Every structure is written in structure tokens, then in C-alpha cells.
Protein backbone atom coordinates (compact mmCIF):
# COMPACT_ATOMS: atom_id res chain seq x y z
CA MET A 1 67.80 77.15 71.04
CA GLY A 2 65.44 77.10 68.28
CA LEU A 3 65.96 76.96 64.48
CA VAL A 4 68.55 79.11 62.84
CA PRO A 5 69.32 79.70 59.02
CA MET A 6 71.55 77.35 57.25
CA LYS A 7 73.60 79.86 55.93
CA ASP A 8 75.10 80.87 59.57
CA LEU A 9 76.05 77.16 59.88
CA VAL A 10 77.66 76.60 56.42
CA LEU A 11 79.71 80.01 56.32
CA LYS A 12 81.21 79.09 59.73
CA ALA A 13 82.00 75.56 58.52
CA GLN A 14 83.75 76.92 55.35
CA LYS A 15 85.71 79.12 57.48
CA GLY A 16 86.67 76.37 59.94
CA ARG A 17 87.42 73.71 57.31
CA TYR A 18 84.81 71.22 58.57
CA ALA A 19 81.41 70.24 57.07
CA VAL A 20 77.93 70.60 58.75
CA GLY A 21 75.91 67.27 58.51
CA ALA A 22 72.66 67.45 56.60
CA PHE A 23 70.44 64.43 57.66
CA ASN A 24 67.21 63.49 56.09
CA CYS A 25 64.10 62.92 58.26
CA ASN A 26 61.11 60.64 57.70
CA ASN A 27 59.44 60.42 61.03
CA MET A 28 59.47 61.39 64.72
CA GLU A 29 62.18 58.77 65.61
CA ILE A 30 64.80 60.07 63.14
CA VAL A 31 64.25 63.65 63.87
CA GLN A 32 64.96 62.38 67.56
CA ALA A 33 67.97 60.58 66.39
CA ILE A 34 69.36 63.50 64.42
CA VAL A 35 68.88 66.08 67.39
CA ALA A 36 70.29 63.42 69.92
CA ALA A 37 73.45 62.74 68.01
CA ALA A 38 74.28 66.27 67.32
CA GLU A 39 73.74 67.18 70.80
CA ALA A 40 76.06 64.44 72.05
CA GLU A 41 78.51 65.46 69.51
CA ASN A 42 78.13 69.25 70.49
CA ALA A 43 77.69 69.82 66.73
CA PRO A 44 75.74 72.00 64.50
CA VAL A 45 73.12 70.04 62.52
CA ILE A 46 70.79 70.47 59.51
CA ILE A 47 67.80 68.23 59.41
CA GLN A 48 66.35 67.86 56.01
CA ALA A 49 62.78 66.95 54.21
CA SER A 50 63.09 65.39 50.72
CA GLN A 51 59.92 64.97 48.53
CA GLY A 52 59.30 61.58 49.81
CA ALA A 53 59.37 62.76 53.51
CA ILE A 54 56.86 65.59 52.62
CA LYS A 55 54.61 63.37 50.96
CA TYR A 56 54.87 60.68 53.77
CA ALA A 57 54.70 63.15 56.89
CA GLY A 58 53.65 66.40 55.37
CA ILE A 59 55.35 69.59 55.79
CA GLU A 60 53.29 70.80 58.76
CA TYR A 61 54.23 67.70 60.77
CA ILE A 62 58.00 67.74 59.87
CA ALA A 63 58.14 71.48 60.70
CA ALA A 64 56.42 71.02 64.21
CA LEU A 65 58.76 68.13 65.11
CA THR A 66 61.72 69.79 64.07
CA LYS A 67 60.84 72.84 65.90
CA LEU A 68 60.12 71.17 69.02
CA ALA A 69 63.51 69.26 68.83
CA ALA A 70 65.45 72.42 68.14
CA SER A 71 64.00 74.09 71.03
CA SER A 72 64.87 71.39 73.37
CA VAL A 73 68.67 71.54 72.84
CA LYS A 74 71.39 74.15 73.00
CA ILE A 75 73.12 73.30 69.68
CA PRO A 76 72.16 75.23 66.44
CA VAL A 77 69.62 73.29 64.32
CA ALA A 78 68.43 74.37 60.68
CA LEU A 79 65.17 72.85 59.01
CA HIS A 80 65.97 72.44 55.33
CA LEU A 81 63.90 71.41 52.23
CA ASP A 82 65.88 69.09 50.15
CA HIS A 83 65.54 69.05 46.37
CA GLY A 84 62.69 71.52 46.27
CA THR A 85 60.87 71.35 43.04
CA SER A 86 59.34 74.60 42.38
CA PHE A 87 59.16 78.02 43.47
CA GLU A 88 55.55 77.28 45.03
CA GLN A 89 56.87 74.51 47.32
CA CYS A 90 59.56 76.61 48.48
CA ILE A 91 57.18 79.31 49.56
CA GLN A 92 55.16 76.90 51.31
CA CYS A 93 57.95 75.39 53.44
CA ILE A 94 59.12 78.93 54.03
CA GLY A 95 55.78 79.65 55.35
CA ASN A 96 55.68 76.69 57.49
CA GLY A 97 58.95 77.91 59.29
CA PHE A 98 61.72 76.06 57.35
CA THR A 99 64.96 78.16 57.73
CA SER A 100 66.38 77.18 54.49
CA VAL A 101 65.14 75.70 51.14
CA MET A 102 66.85 74.02 48.11
CA ILE A 103 65.36 75.00 44.67
CA ASP A 104 66.74 72.29 42.21
CA GLY A 105 66.84 73.76 38.75
CA SER A 106 69.49 71.49 37.79
CA LYS A 107 67.67 69.89 34.84
CA LEU A 108 66.84 73.31 33.43
CA PRO A 109 69.16 75.14 31.13
CA LEU A 110 71.78 77.34 32.93
CA GLY A 111 69.88 80.78 32.44
CA GLU A 112 66.67 79.32 33.48
CA ASN A 113 68.01 77.70 36.49
CA ILE A 114 69.56 81.07 37.54
CA ALA A 115 66.28 83.11 36.96
CA LEU A 116 64.18 80.28 39.05
CA THR A 117 67.04 80.49 41.89
CA LYS A 118 67.00 84.36 41.76
CA ARG A 119 63.08 84.27 41.97
CA VAL A 120 63.38 81.99 45.31
CA ILE A 121 66.01 84.10 46.82
CA GLU A 122 64.20 87.30 46.18
CA ILE A 123 61.57 86.04 48.61
CA ALA A 124 63.69 84.15 50.93
CA ARG A 125 66.26 86.76 51.73
CA ILE A 126 63.66 89.29 52.82
CA LEU A 127 62.40 86.41 55.55
CA GLY A 128 66.00 85.63 56.73
CA VAL A 129 65.84 82.00 54.97
CA SER A 130 68.68 80.42 53.27
CA VAL A 131 68.84 79.03 49.70
CA GLU A 132 70.73 76.13 48.24
CA GLY A 133 70.89 75.89 44.42
CA GLU A 134 72.25 72.83 42.27
CA LEU A 135 74.37 72.69 39.33
CA GLY A 136 74.88 69.31 37.53
CA LYS A 137 72.93 66.07 37.89
CA ILE A 138 73.36 63.83 40.53
CA GLY A 139 72.18 60.43 39.33
CA GLY A 140 70.62 57.56 40.98
CA THR A 141 73.64 55.40 40.50
CA GLU A 142 76.98 55.29 38.96
CA ASP A 143 76.68 51.95 37.14
CA ASP A 144 76.18 51.60 33.33
CA VAL A 145 77.25 55.32 32.75
CA SER A 146 79.91 55.72 30.00
CA VAL A 147 82.75 58.32 30.49
CA SER A 148 81.16 60.84 28.05
CA GLU A 149 77.70 60.62 29.56
CA LYS A 150 79.04 61.02 33.09
CA GLU A 151 81.16 63.86 32.14
CA ALA A 152 78.10 65.76 30.83
CA LEU A 153 76.36 65.22 34.21
CA PHE A 154 79.08 66.88 36.20
CA THR A 155 79.26 70.32 37.17
CA ASP A 156 81.04 72.66 35.14
CA PRO A 157 83.36 75.25 37.07
CA GLN A 158 82.82 78.03 34.66
CA ASP A 159 79.04 77.51 35.08
CA ALA A 160 79.35 77.43 38.78
CA GLU A 161 81.33 80.66 38.68
CA ARG A 162 78.49 82.40 36.52
CA PHE A 163 75.71 80.93 38.75
CA CYS A 164 77.16 81.93 42.17
CA ARG A 165 77.81 85.37 40.64
CA GLU A 166 74.45 86.15 39.23
CA THR A 167 72.21 84.59 41.88
CA ASP A 168 74.46 85.12 45.11
CA VAL A 169 73.21 81.77 46.38
CA ASP A 170 73.78 80.70 49.90
CA ALA A 171 75.10 77.31 49.00
CA LEU A 172 75.78 75.35 46.03
CA ALA A 173 75.21 71.53 45.45
CA VAL A 174 77.81 70.23 42.83
CA ALA A 175 77.93 66.81 41.01
CA ILE A 176 81.47 65.57 41.25
CA GLY A 177 80.61 61.68 41.01
CA THR A 178 78.32 60.93 43.88
CA ALA A 179 74.82 59.69 43.45
CA HIS A 180 71.58 59.34 45.39
CA GLY A 181 70.60 55.73 46.98
CA GLN A 182 72.71 52.77 47.64
CA TYR A 183 76.05 52.23 45.53
CA LYS A 184 76.67 48.94 43.69
CA GLY A 185 80.59 49.74 43.54
CA ILE A 186 82.99 52.55 45.30
CA PRO A 187 82.30 55.96 43.72
CA LYS A 188 85.22 58.02 42.69
CA LEU A 189 85.15 61.60 43.18
CA ASP A 190 86.42 64.03 40.82
CA PHE A 191 88.62 65.99 43.19
CA GLU A 192 90.25 68.25 40.50
CA ARG A 193 86.96 69.47 39.44
CA LEU A 194 85.91 70.40 42.94
CA LYS A 195 89.33 72.12 43.63
CA GLU A 196 88.60 74.27 40.55
CA ILE A 197 85.03 75.07 41.53
CA VAL A 198 85.93 75.99 44.99
CA GLN A 199 88.75 78.37 43.44
CA ARG A 200 86.24 79.96 41.22
CA VAL A 201 83.37 80.55 43.80
CA SER A 202 83.35 81.68 47.52
CA THR A 203 79.85 80.26 47.95
CA PRO A 204 79.87 77.14 50.55
CA ILE A 205 79.83 73.77 48.57
CA VAL A 206 77.34 71.02 49.38
CA LEU A 207 77.95 67.41 48.53
CA HIS A 208 74.72 65.34 47.81
CA GLY A 209 74.49 61.44 47.82
CA SER A 210 77.30 60.93 50.33
CA SER A 211 75.81 57.70 51.78
CA GLY A 212 78.26 54.98 50.69
CA VAL A 213 81.21 57.27 49.77
CA PRO A 214 84.39 56.05 51.70
CA ASP A 215 85.11 58.03 54.83
CA ASP A 216 88.54 59.11 53.58
CA ALA A 217 87.05 60.62 50.46
CA VAL A 218 84.55 62.44 52.38
CA ARG A 219 87.09 63.91 54.51
CA GLU A 220 89.16 64.83 51.54
CA ALA A 221 86.18 66.59 49.89
CA VAL A 222 85.93 68.47 53.27
CA SER A 223 89.48 69.43 53.18
CA PHE A 224 89.11 71.06 49.60
CA GLY A 225 86.25 73.03 50.91
CA VAL A 226 83.02 71.20 51.09
CA ALA A 227 80.90 72.69 53.84
CA LYS A 228 77.86 70.68 53.73
CA VAL A 229 77.31 66.95 53.61
CA ASN A 230 74.03 65.30 52.82
CA ILE A 231 73.18 61.80 54.36
CA ASP A 232 69.99 59.70 53.87
CA THR A 233 70.55 56.22 52.80
CA ASN A 234 72.90 55.19 55.54
CA ILE A 235 70.20 56.18 58.01
CA ARG A 236 67.48 54.38 56.44
CA GLU A 237 69.68 51.27 56.36
CA ALA A 238 70.64 51.57 59.97
CA PHE A 239 67.04 52.42 60.90
CA THR A 240 65.39 49.57 59.14
CA ASP A 241 67.95 46.98 59.91
CA ALA A 242 67.49 47.55 63.54
CA ALA A 243 63.88 47.46 63.36
CA ARG A 244 63.97 44.30 61.08
CA LYS A 245 66.23 42.60 63.58
CA VAL A 246 63.50 43.04 66.40
CA VAL A 247 60.91 41.28 64.13
CA ILE A 248 63.07 38.42 63.21
CA GLU A 249 63.91 37.70 66.72
CA ASN A 250 60.57 38.49 68.23
CA PRO A 251 58.06 37.38 65.38
CA LYS A 252 55.06 37.64 67.62
CA GLU A 253 56.01 41.25 68.91
CA ILE A 254 53.26 43.73 68.33
CA ASP A 255 54.64 46.94 70.11
CA PRO A 256 55.93 49.28 67.72
CA ARG A 257 58.00 51.11 70.55
CA LYS A 258 59.95 47.89 70.59
CA MET A 259 60.80 48.07 67.13
CA LEU A 260 61.19 51.66 66.70
CA GLY A 261 63.21 52.47 69.84
CA PRO A 262 66.28 50.21 68.69
CA ALA A 263 65.94 51.71 65.26
CA ARG A 264 66.12 55.24 66.67
CA GLU A 265 69.30 54.19 68.60
CA ALA A 266 70.98 52.59 65.61
CA ALA A 267 70.28 55.79 63.35
CA MET A 268 71.60 57.85 66.01
CA GLN A 269 74.97 55.93 66.26
CA VAL A 270 75.25 56.25 62.41
CA ILE A 271 74.59 60.01 62.41
CA ARG A 272 77.15 60.47 65.45
CA GLU A 273 79.86 58.59 63.26
CA LYS A 274 79.16 60.85 60.42
CA ILE A 275 79.36 63.88 62.34
CA ARG A 276 82.90 62.90 63.35
CA VAL A 277 83.89 62.30 59.64
CA PHE A 278 82.77 65.58 58.75
CA GLY A 279 84.85 67.16 61.53
CA SER A 280 81.71 69.10 63.05
CA ASN A 281 81.77 67.50 66.51
CA GLY A 282 82.71 70.24 69.07
CA LYS A 283 81.76 72.91 66.76
CA ALA A 284 78.32 74.01 68.17
């Protein structure tokens, strides 16, 4: 089918009250796992490249792998830059065929975040590329953060309204209690905050740091209007656990295919489960 803009997928998801899974890739096997899982579930899917993935594999390799994978299936696939750090990096990804980019200006003052996001949108929109912005700071863990500190990190609904109005961004990542990486406890999402944000903006909402969030909580967030859910850590866990098992059981094994094949299968199964949780199965 080829790559499509993320905007098309999340707008349809927003209207249908489900979420599109956005899964981070790091190598060929994970790209294959994502596409195979989505095809098996007949689901739209977003393949994401983080800063770590770009540093490891390179923008060109990620783009080439994803374009090939997307061309081999009939489901819609978008290629997205996750947490873009600069205008220049977003333009570089667009130039390499990414159909969506995220410009993360969440550490900037609101006005500067708006200005940076608008600058990326000005170029991206001409080329039909979607743009995701972010408000609020999604931390690495929930532990050892006091109530006042946590509150300061969360997305302010009024700021979200202004941000979306002034940028006309295609998707907005919000901070409501999730965190990147592995959780040491069970995260508690601020659904009241999420509901107020959704009431104030018509922009599709994105939930980052969703690995480790209980399935019921993810379903609830989707029911309130989240249209894109990001998953990375759960894929890494499944992938590395399966590869590690091969090495432990067969310490003399030297064929990487014997390790990476089971790892790919394990990742695919996790992704299929997430797609069903998001409700995007059968929505391609």
C-alpha cells in the first residue's frame, strides 16, 4: 500500500473511538514484527523512530526498511519521528520520506513551543506530512515525585487549548501520569485532566509512555478520546527476553537468526495484543 500520513489514521481513530498503535522500531526484525502484527489484526499502524533508533540504525535505513514493509501489505502504515529534537531533524526526516514528525518543544516556555511547532508545520504541511506536538513533561519514572512536582509536569488544559488553536497541530501528546521506560509501580492516570483537554480541543490526543499502563486504564483513556498510543518498552522486553532464552538454553548457538527469529515472533505477539487493547483491530 505504501506509507500514508499519520493525520489520516488518527482522525479516523478519533471519530471511531479507538486508538492507532504507534510502535517504536530499532532494527529490521522489529519493523517486520510491527507490520506482520498489524496485517494479522487488519489494523492501521504507525511505525516510530526514536532518537536512540536514529542513532543506532540511521534515518536512511529506518526509512528504507519501513517503506519496503509498507509496500508489502494492504494495511495503512505511517512512518513517524518520535520526540524530534529540532527543526533541522524534522526536515531531515521529511526529506527521507517520513510521513509524520513530532517536534518536542515541551521543555520550552509555551510561546517558544508554539513558535517552534508552527515553524515545522509550515514546511511539513506543504509536503503533506503530519506533525505531532507535545505539552507537559513525560518523565522517566513516577517514583520519588511529590504531588506538587508531579502537578507541575502535567499538561494544563488551558495551555492545550491555546497551543492547538495557534498551531493547528495534527496531534497533541499530553502528560497525564504516564512515563517512559519501565514502571516500578502501577501508574495512575489523571482522567479528569484528560477529559477536560478533550473538551477544549478537537485535535487527536496522543498517550506516550504507555508500556506498563494496565490495559483497562488504556481502554479508558481511549474511550475518553485518545487516538494514538505509543508503545516501546513492552516490545523491547518481549524481544530481548525471547533472544535471551535462546542463548541461555543453547549457550553454544552462534546463528543470530536462531535468536532474532523467536525475538521477532515474541514482539509480534505483544504488538497484536496491544492492537486489540487499543480497539484498532479490523479498522484498516
